[in-house]
Amino acid sequence: MSSLREGKPAQQAGLDPIVGMIERGEVDLVAVGRALLVDPAWAEKVREGRFGELLPFTPEALKKLS
C-alpha cells in the first residue's frame, strides 16, 4: 500500500538516480506532477540546487485541489 493511501506524506527521493537515467538516455521525461502541485517553484529550486527548500507532497495537498 502506498504511503499516500495510508495518510502519510510521500518521501522525497534524491534526484541523482533520475539525473543518471537522463544522462544515460534511459528516459527523456520525468513526471514531477505531485511535486509541482504542492510546490510551484519546484523546478526553480531544483535548478538552483535548493533541495532543502522542496516541499513534500502530503495527503492534505489533494484536499486543497478538490
N, C-alpha and C. Protein backbone atom coordinates (compact mmCIF):
# COMPACT_ATOMS: atom_id res chain seq x y z
N MET A 1 0.86 -1.18 0.00
CA MET A 1 0.00 0.00 0.00
C MET A 1 0.90 1.23 0.00
N SER A 2 0.53 2.24 -0.76
CA SER A 2 1.35 3.44 -0.84
C SER A 2 1.23 4.28 0.41
N SER A 3 2.25 5.08 0.69
CA SER A 3 2.23 5.98 1.84
C SER A 3 1.06 6.93 1.78
N LEU A 4 0.73 7.40 0.58
CA LEU A 4 -0.34 8.38 0.42
C LEU A 4 -1.68 7.78 0.85
N ARG A 5 -1.93 6.56 0.49
CA ARG A 5 -3.20 5.92 0.88
C ARG A 5 -3.25 5.67 2.38
N GLU A 6 -2.09 5.58 3.01
CA GLU A 6 -2.04 5.38 4.45
C GLU A 6 -2.12 6.70 5.20
N GLY A 7 -2.22 7.81 4.47
CA GLY A 7 -2.31 9.12 5.10
C GLY A 7 -0.98 9.69 5.53
N LYS A 8 0.10 9.15 4.99
CA LYS A 8 1.44 9.63 5.33
C LYS A 8 1.99 10.47 4.18
N PRO A 9 2.85 11.47 4.48
CA PRO A 9 3.46 12.25 3.40
C PRO A 9 4.33 11.35 2.51
N ALA A 10 4.41 11.68 1.24
CA ALA A 10 5.29 10.96 0.34
C ALA A 10 6.74 11.33 0.68
N GLN A 11 7.62 10.37 0.60
CA GLN A 11 9.03 10.61 0.89
C GLN A 11 9.69 11.26 -0.32
N GLN A 12 10.53 12.24 -0.06
CA GLN A 12 11.28 12.85 -1.15
C GLN A 12 12.41 11.91 -1.53
N ALA A 13 12.54 11.68 -2.80
CA ALA A 13 13.61 10.84 -3.30
C ALA A 13 14.71 11.73 -3.83
N GLY A 14 15.93 11.27 -3.76
CA GLY A 14 17.04 12.02 -4.30
C GLY A 14 16.94 12.12 -5.81
N LEU A 15 17.53 13.14 -6.36
CA LEU A 15 17.47 13.35 -7.81
C LEU A 15 18.61 12.67 -8.55
N ASP A 16 19.64 12.22 -7.85
CA ASP A 16 20.79 11.61 -8.52
C ASP A 16 20.42 10.44 -9.42
N PRO A 17 19.58 9.50 -8.97
CA PRO A 17 19.22 8.40 -9.88
C PRO A 17 18.51 8.88 -11.14
N ILE A 18 17.66 9.89 -11.00
CA ILE A 18 16.94 10.42 -12.16
C ILE A 18 17.89 11.10 -13.12
N VAL A 19 18.80 11.91 -12.59
CA VAL A 19 19.78 12.59 -13.43
C VAL A 19 20.61 11.56 -14.19
N GLY A 20 21.01 10.50 -13.50
CA GLY A 20 21.78 9.44 -14.16
C GLY A 20 21.01 8.78 -15.29
N MET A 21 19.72 8.53 -15.08
CA MET A 21 18.90 7.92 -16.11
C MET A 21 18.78 8.83 -17.33
N ILE A 22 18.65 10.12 -17.10
CA ILE A 22 18.57 11.07 -18.22
C ILE A 22 19.89 11.11 -18.97
N GLU A 23 21.00 11.17 -18.23
CA GLU A 23 22.33 11.24 -18.86
C GLU A 23 22.63 9.99 -19.67
N ARG A 24 22.14 8.82 -19.23
CA ARG A 24 22.37 7.57 -19.96
C ARG A 24 21.39 7.38 -21.11
N GLY A 25 20.44 8.29 -21.26
CA GLY A 25 19.46 8.19 -22.33
C GLY A 25 18.37 7.17 -22.05
N GLU A 26 18.23 6.75 -20.80
CA GLU A 26 17.20 5.77 -20.45
C GLU A 26 15.81 6.40 -20.43
N VAL A 27 15.73 7.67 -20.11
CA VAL A 27 14.46 8.40 -20.10
C VAL A 27 14.71 9.79 -20.66
N ASP A 28 13.65 10.41 -21.17
CA ASP A 28 13.78 11.79 -21.62
C ASP A 28 12.75 12.68 -20.97
N LEU A 29 11.92 12.09 -20.11
CA LEU A 29 10.90 12.87 -19.42
C LEU A 29 10.71 12.26 -18.04
N VAL A 30 10.68 13.09 -17.05
CA VAL A 30 10.43 12.64 -15.69
C VAL A 30 9.21 13.38 -15.17
N ALA A 31 8.21 12.65 -14.75
CA ALA A 31 6.99 13.27 -14.24
C ALA A 31 7.23 13.82 -12.83
N VAL A 32 6.87 15.05 -12.63
CA VAL A 32 7.01 15.69 -11.33
C VAL A 32 5.70 16.35 -10.93
N GLY A 33 4.60 15.77 -11.38
CA GLY A 33 3.28 16.35 -11.15
C GLY A 33 2.96 16.63 -9.70
N ARG A 34 3.13 15.63 -8.84
CA ARG A 34 2.83 15.84 -7.43
C ARG A 34 3.70 16.94 -6.84
N ALA A 35 4.97 16.92 -7.18
CA ALA A 35 5.89 17.93 -6.65
C ALA A 35 5.45 19.33 -7.06
N LEU A 36 5.05 19.49 -8.32
CA LEU A 36 4.63 20.81 -8.81
C LEU A 36 3.29 21.24 -8.24
N LEU A 37 2.41 20.30 -7.94
CA LEU A 37 1.12 20.64 -7.36
C LEU A 37 1.29 21.29 -5.99
N VAL A 38 2.20 20.76 -5.21
CA VAL A 38 2.37 21.27 -3.85
C VAL A 38 3.39 22.41 -3.79
N ASP A 39 4.30 22.47 -4.75
CA ASP A 39 5.37 23.47 -4.73
C ASP A 39 5.62 23.99 -6.14
N PRO A 40 4.87 25.02 -6.57
CA PRO A 40 5.02 25.53 -7.94
C PRO A 40 6.43 26.01 -8.27
N ALA A 41 7.23 26.31 -7.27
CA ALA A 41 8.61 26.76 -7.51
C ALA A 41 9.59 25.59 -7.54
N TRP A 42 9.08 24.36 -7.61
CA TRP A 42 9.92 23.16 -7.56
C TRP A 42 11.05 23.20 -8.60
N ALA A 43 10.72 23.47 -9.84
CA ALA A 43 11.74 23.45 -10.91
C ALA A 43 12.84 24.49 -10.65
N GLU A 44 12.45 25.65 -10.22
CA GLU A 44 13.44 26.70 -9.93
C GLU A 44 14.34 26.28 -8.77
N LYS A 45 13.74 25.72 -7.73
CA LYS A 45 14.53 25.29 -6.58
C LYS A 45 15.52 24.20 -6.97
N VAL A 46 15.07 23.23 -7.78
CA VAL A 46 15.95 22.16 -8.23
C VAL A 46 17.07 22.72 -9.10
N ARG A 47 16.72 23.60 -10.03
CA ARG A 47 17.72 24.19 -10.93
C ARG A 47 18.80 24.93 -10.13
N GLU A 48 18.40 25.58 -9.04
CA GLU A 48 19.33 26.35 -8.23
C GLU A 48 19.97 25.53 -7.11
N GLY A 49 19.65 24.24 -7.05
CA GLY A 49 20.25 23.38 -6.04
C GLY A 49 19.72 23.61 -4.63
N ARG A 50 18.51 24.16 -4.51
CA ARG A 50 17.93 24.47 -3.21
C ARG A 50 17.04 23.31 -2.74
N PHE A 51 17.63 22.12 -2.69
CA PHE A 51 16.88 20.91 -2.41
C PHE A 51 16.27 20.91 -1.01
N GLY A 52 16.90 21.55 -0.06
CA GLY A 52 16.38 21.62 1.29
C GLY A 52 15.10 22.41 1.40
N GLU A 53 14.77 23.19 0.37
CA GLU A 53 13.56 24.00 0.38
C GLU A 53 12.37 23.32 -0.29
N LEU A 54 12.58 22.14 -0.87
CA LEU A 54 11.49 21.44 -1.56
C LEU A 54 10.43 21.02 -0.55
N LEU A 55 9.17 21.23 -0.91
CA LEU A 55 8.06 20.87 -0.04
C LEU A 55 7.60 19.45 -0.36
N PRO A 56 7.33 18.64 0.65
CA PRO A 56 6.86 17.28 0.39
C PRO A 56 5.39 17.26 0.00
N PHE A 57 5.03 16.29 -0.82
CA PHE A 57 3.62 16.09 -1.18
C PHE A 57 2.96 15.36 -0.02
N THR A 58 1.80 15.82 0.39
CA THR A 58 1.08 15.20 1.51
C THR A 58 -0.36 14.92 1.09
N PRO A 59 -1.04 14.04 1.83
CA PRO A 59 -2.45 13.79 1.53
C PRO A 59 -3.29 15.06 1.63
N GLU A 60 -2.91 15.99 2.49
CA GLU A 60 -3.64 17.24 2.62
C GLU A 60 -3.60 18.06 1.33
N ALA A 61 -2.55 17.90 0.55
CA ALA A 61 -2.44 18.63 -0.71
C ALA A 61 -3.57 18.24 -1.67
N LEU A 62 -3.96 16.97 -1.67
CA LEU A 62 -5.07 16.54 -2.51
C LEU A 62 -6.37 17.21 -2.12
N LYS A 63 -6.57 17.42 -0.84
CA LYS A 63 -7.79 18.07 -0.36
C LYS A 63 -7.88 19.51 -0.83
N LYS A 64 -6.73 20.18 -0.94
CA LYS A 64 -6.71 21.57 -1.39
C LYS A 64 -7.07 21.69 -2.87
N LEU A 65 -6.84 20.61 -3.63
CA LEU A 65 -7.11 20.64 -5.06
C LEU A 65 -8.56 20.37 -5.40
N SER A 66 -9.32 19.78 -4.48
CA SER A 66 -10.71 19.44 -4.81
C SER A 66 -11.66 20.59 -4.61
